[in-house]
Amino acid sequence: MKRLEMMTQQELTLELVKGQKKQTKIRVISVVLNVLILAVLAAGLLYAVPTAVETMTQVQSVLDEVDDLSVQARESMVKADKLMDDADKLLNDNSGSIADIMVKLNGIDFDKLNQSIQRLSEILIPISKLFGGGIG
């Protein structure tokens, strides 16, 4: 290729036309590539958006279930607290009675009680025979 200063008008015009053809080809290739990239992005979005929406719907469903479970857990904790308070109150209310019963049970002489039952049995056997009963 000659230097630009040495070229004739016709040669310069020819070089300009060749340069413009190359630029036109490059621009066409660029446009085609941009269209292909846009098509790929559009296809990706057409695939990704419904998947993302479905995923978000599932996440929302799971969050709703977790919220329901947390409400149930909160209600259960309130009921458990009330039950523990009731049990504590019952124990506190009856602790004096239980202590009194234990004192009274400790005061019973079971040996004497067994002896008294044995004596009562010895007395009742002859009386039952006397009235025709068949004890003993």
C-alpha atoms as a PDB file:
ATOM      1  CA  MET A   1       0.000   0.000   0.000  1.00  0.00           C
ATOM      2  CA  LYS A   2       1.235   3.447  -0.903  1.00  0.00           C
ATOM      3  CA  ARG A   3       1.455   6.326   1.425  1.00  0.00           C
ATOM      4  CA  LEU A   4      -1.603   8.519   1.356  1.00  0.00           C
ATOM      5  CA  GLU A   5       0.311  11.498   0.064  1.00  0.00           C
ATOM      6  CA  MET A   6       1.401   9.568  -3.029  1.00  0.00           C
ATOM      7  CA  MET A   7      -2.071   8.287  -3.974  1.00  0.00           C
ATOM      8  CA  THR A   8      -4.296   9.707  -6.645  1.00  0.00           C
ATOM      9  CA  GLN A   9      -7.828  10.803  -6.073  1.00  0.00           C
ATOM     10  CA  GLN A  10      -9.180   7.577  -7.523  1.00  0.00           C
ATOM     11  CA  GLU A  11      -6.899   5.426  -5.375  1.00  0.00           C
ATOM     12  CA  LEU A  12      -7.898   7.357  -2.271  1.00  0.00           C
ATOM     13  CA  THR A  13     -11.573   6.909  -3.086  1.00  0.00           C
ATOM     14  CA  LEU A  14     -11.022   3.205  -3.663  1.00  0.00           C
ATOM     15  CA  GLU A  15      -9.244   2.885  -0.300  1.00  0.00           C
ATOM     16  CA  LEU A  16     -12.054   4.761   1.428  1.00  0.00           C
ATOM     17  CA  VAL A  17     -14.668   2.466  -0.128  1.00  0.00           C
ATOM     18  CA  LYS A  18     -12.675  -0.630   0.955  1.00  0.00           C
ATOM     19  CA  GLY A  19     -12.399   0.776   4.502  1.00  0.00           C
ATOM     20  CA  GLN A  20     -16.108   1.493   4.626  1.00  0.00           C
ATOM     21  CA  LYS A  21     -16.913  -2.035   3.430  1.00  0.00           C
ATOM     22  CA  LYS A  22     -14.732  -3.462   6.206  1.00  0.00           C
ATOM     23  CA  GLN A  23     -16.406  -1.213   8.764  1.00  0.00           C
ATOM     24  CA  THR A  24     -19.817  -2.213   7.416  1.00  0.00           C
ATOM     25  CA  LYS A  25     -18.941  -5.919   7.767  1.00  0.00           C
ATOM     26  CA  ILE A  26     -17.679  -5.310  11.295  1.00  0.00           C
ATOM     27  CA  ARG A  27     -20.864  -3.420  12.174  1.00  0.00           C
ATOM     28  CA  VAL A  28     -23.045  -6.203  10.704  1.00  0.00           C
ATOM     29  CA  ILE A  29     -21.108  -8.794  12.706  1.00  0.00           C
ATOM     30  CA  SER A  30     -21.463  -6.603  15.800  1.00  0.00           C
ATOM     31  CA  VAL A  31     -25.221  -6.250  15.261  1.00  0.00           C
ATOM     32  CA  VAL A  32     -25.604 -10.010  14.729  1.00  0.00           C
ATOM     33  CA  LEU A  33     -23.591 -10.738  17.873  1.00  0.00           C
ATOM     34  CA  ASN A  34     -25.617  -8.214  19.864  1.00  0.00           C
ATOM     35  CA  VAL A  35     -28.851  -9.812  18.617  1.00  0.00           C
ATOM     36  CA  LEU A  36     -27.544 -13.265  19.579  1.00  0.00           C
ATOM     37  CA  ILE A  37     -26.518 -12.029  23.018  1.00  0.00           C
ATOM     38  CA  LEU A  38     -29.923 -10.390  23.463  1.00  0.00           C
ATOM     39  CA  ALA A  39     -31.656 -13.630  22.381  1.00  0.00           C
ATOM     40  CA  VAL A  40     -29.575 -15.662  24.857  1.00  0.00           C
ATOM     41  CA  LEU A  41     -30.361 -13.211  27.652  1.00  0.00           C
ATOM     42  CA  ALA A  42     -34.062 -13.246  26.782  1.00  0.00           C
ATOM     43  CA  ALA A  43     -34.110 -17.059  26.747  1.00  0.00           C
ATOM     44  CA  GLY A  44     -32.280 -17.114  30.064  1.00  0.00           C
ATOM     45  CA  LEU A  45     -34.765 -14.711  31.558  1.00  0.00           C
ATOM     46  CA  LEU A  46     -37.690 -16.705  30.184  1.00  0.00           C
ATOM     47  CA  TYR A  47     -36.258 -19.738  31.931  1.00  0.00           C
ATOM     48  CA  ALA A  48     -35.019 -18.063  35.112  1.00  0.00           C
ATOM     49  CA  VAL A  49     -37.976 -15.804  35.926  1.00  0.00           C
ATOM     50  CA  PRO A  50     -40.617 -18.552  36.255  1.00  0.00           C
ATOM     51  CA  THR A  51     -38.164 -20.659  38.258  1.00  0.00           C
ATOM     52  CA  ALA A  52     -37.421 -17.709  40.530  1.00  0.00           C
ATOM     53  CA  VAL A  53     -41.125 -16.961  40.952  1.00  0.00           C
ATOM     54  CA  GLU A  54     -41.822 -20.604  41.805  1.00  0.00           C
ATOM     55  CA  THR A  55     -38.951 -20.621  44.286  1.00  0.00           C
ATOM     56  CA  MET A  56     -40.214 -17.429  45.903  1.00  0.00           C
ATOM     57  CA  THR A  57     -43.701 -18.939  46.146  1.00  0.00           C
ATOM     58  CA  GLN A  58     -42.277 -22.020  47.862  1.00  0.00           C
ATOM     59  CA  VAL A  59     -40.216 -19.851  50.205  1.00  0.00           C
ATOM     60  CA  GLN A  60     -43.339 -17.861  51.083  1.00  0.00           C
ATOM     61  CA  SER A  61     -45.230 -21.101  51.752  1.00  0.00           C
ATOM     62  CA  VAL A  62     -42.463 -22.353  54.032  1.00  0.00           C
ATOM     63  CA  LEU A  63     -42.355 -19.011  55.844  1.00  0.00           C
ATOM     64  CA  ASP A  64     -46.125 -19.172  56.368  1.00  0.00           C
ATOM     65  CA  GLU A  65     -45.780 -22.668  57.848  1.00  0.00           C
ATOM     66  CA  VAL A  66     -42.936 -21.526  60.090  1.00  0.00           C
ATOM     67  CA  ASP A  67     -45.072 -18.600  61.232  1.00  0.00           C
ATOM     68  CA  ASP A  68     -47.974 -20.953  62.035  1.00  0.00           C
ATOM     69  CA  LEU A  69     -45.623 -23.248  63.945  1.00  0.00           C
ATOM     70  CA  SER A  70     -44.198 -20.347  65.917  1.00  0.00           C
ATOM     71  CA  VAL A  71     -47.722 -19.214  66.863  1.00  0.00           C
ATOM     72  CA  GLN A  72     -48.560 -22.764  67.989  1.00  0.00           C
ATOM     73  CA  ALA A  73     -45.307 -22.988  69.935  1.00  0.00           C
ATOM     74  CA  ARG A  74     -46.022 -19.657  71.605  1.00  0.00           C
ATOM     75  CA  GLU A  75     -49.534 -20.849  72.566  1.00  0.00           C
ATOM     76  CA  SER A  76     -48.105 -24.126  73.876  1.00  0.00           C
ATOM     77  CA  MET A  77     -45.579 -22.240  75.985  1.00  0.00           C
ATOM     78  CA  VAL A  78     -48.336 -20.057  77.448  1.00  0.00           C
ATOM     79  CA  LYS A  79     -50.386 -23.176  78.265  1.00  0.00           C
ATOM     80  CA  ALA A  80     -47.336 -24.898  79.757  1.00  0.00           C
ATOM     81  CA  ASP A  81     -46.623 -21.835  81.912  1.00  0.00           C
ATOM     82  CA  LYS A  82     -50.232 -21.811  83.114  1.00  0.00           C
ATOM     83  CA  LEU A  83     -50.086 -25.549  83.813  1.00  0.00           C
ATOM     84  CA  MET A  84     -46.862 -25.122  85.807  1.00  0.00           C
ATOM     85  CA  ASP A  85     -48.404 -22.237  87.749  1.00  0.00           C
ATOM     86  CA  ASP A  86     -51.489 -24.370  88.509  1.00  0.00           C
ATOM     87  CA  ALA A  87     -49.320 -27.318  89.584  1.00  0.00           C
ATOM     88  CA  ASP A  88     -47.205 -25.043  91.784  1.00  0.00           C
ATOM     89  CA  LYS A  89     -50.338 -23.538  93.345  1.00  0.00           C
ATOM     90  CA  LEU A  90     -51.770 -27.015  93.945  1.00  0.00           C
ATOM     91  CA  LEU A  91     -48.572 -28.147  95.640  1.00  0.00           C
ATOM     92  CA  ASN A  92     -48.393 -24.990  97.727  1.00  0.00           C
ATOM     93  CA  ASP A  93     -52.064 -25.247  98.716  1.00  0.00           C
ATOM     94  CA  ASN A  94     -51.786 -28.913  99.679  1.00  0.00           C
ATOM     95  CA  SER A  95     -48.308 -28.964 101.182  1.00  0.00           C
ATOM     96  CA  GLY A  96     -49.708 -28.200 104.634  1.00  0.00           C
ATOM     97  CA  SER A  97     -52.318 -30.951 104.310  1.00  0.00           C
ATOM     98  CA  ILE A  98     -49.723 -33.418 103.101  1.00  0.00           C
ATOM     99  CA  ALA A  99     -47.487 -32.548 106.028  1.00  0.00           C
ATOM    100  CA  ASP A 100     -50.408 -33.066 108.455  1.00  0.00           C
ATOM    101  CA  ILE A 101     -51.223 -36.433 106.890  1.00  0.00           C
ATOM    102  CA  MET A 102     -47.597 -37.520 107.136  1.00  0.00           C
ATOM    103  CA  VAL A 103     -47.506 -36.536 110.817  1.00  0.00           C
ATOM    104  CA  LYS A 104     -50.694 -38.509 111.458  1.00  0.00           C
ATOM    105  CA  LEU A 105     -49.413 -41.542 109.488  1.00  0.00           C
ATOM    106  CA  ASN A 106     -46.158 -41.432 111.436  1.00  0.00           C
ATOM    107  CA  GLY A 107     -48.189 -41.335 114.655  1.00  0.00           C
ATOM    108  CA  ILE A 108     -49.975 -44.619 113.900  1.00  0.00           C
ATOM    109  CA  ASP A 109     -48.573 -47.639 115.710  1.00  0.00           C
ATOM    110  CA  PHE A 110     -49.012 -50.343 113.088  1.00  0.00           C
ATOM    111  CA  ASP A 111     -47.937 -53.118 115.460  1.00  0.00           C
ATOM    112  CA  LYS A 112     -50.748 -52.226 117.870  1.00  0.00           C
ATOM    113  CA  LEU A 113     -53.156 -51.866 114.939  1.00  0.00           C
ATOM    114  CA  ASN A 114     -52.237 -55.362 113.704  1.00  0.00           C
ATOM    115  CA  GLN A 115     -52.661 -56.748 117.225  1.00  0.00           C
ATOM    116  CA  SER A 116     -56.093 -55.106 117.519  1.00  0.00           C
ATOM    117  CA  ILE A 117     -57.177 -56.564 114.170  1.00  0.00           C
ATOM    118  CA  GLN A 118     -55.984 -60.007 115.264  1.00  0.00           C
ATOM    119  CA  ARG A 119     -57.920 -59.739 118.564  1.00  0.00           C
ATOM    120  CA  LEU A 120     -61.040 -58.554 116.716  1.00  0.00           C
ATOM    121  CA  SER A 121     -60.724 -61.544 114.414  1.00  0.00           C
ATOM    122  CA  GLU A 122     -60.400 -63.871 117.421  1.00  0.00           C
ATOM    123  CA  ILE A 123     -63.566 -62.385 118.906  1.00  0.00           C
ATOM    124  CA  LEU A 124     -65.606 -62.443 115.674  1.00  0.00           C
ATOM    125  CA  ILE A 125     -64.884 -66.091 114.782  1.00  0.00           C
ATOM    126  CA  PRO A 126     -66.784 -67.530 117.781  1.00  0.00           C
ATOM    127  CA  ILE A 127     -69.622 -65.022 117.330  1.00  0.00           C
ATOM    128  CA  SER A 128     -69.997 -65.956 113.678  1.00  0.00           C
ATOM    129  CA  LYS A 129     -70.081 -69.655 114.590  1.00  0.00           C
ATOM    130  CA  LEU A 130     -72.703 -68.913 117.156  1.00  0.00           C
ATOM    131  CA  PHE A 131     -74.980 -67.302 114.555  1.00  0.00           C
ATOM    132  CA  GLY A 132     -74.330 -69.974 111.963  1.00  0.00           C
ATOM    133  CA  GLY A 133     -71.741 -68.267 109.886  1.00  0.00           C
ATOM    134  CA  GLY A 134     -68.835 -70.179 108.512  1.00  0.00           C
ATOM    135  CA  ILE A 135     -65.894 -67.885 109.151  1.00  0.00           C
ATOM    136  CA  GLY A 136     -62.718 -69.645 110.106  1.00  0.00           C
END
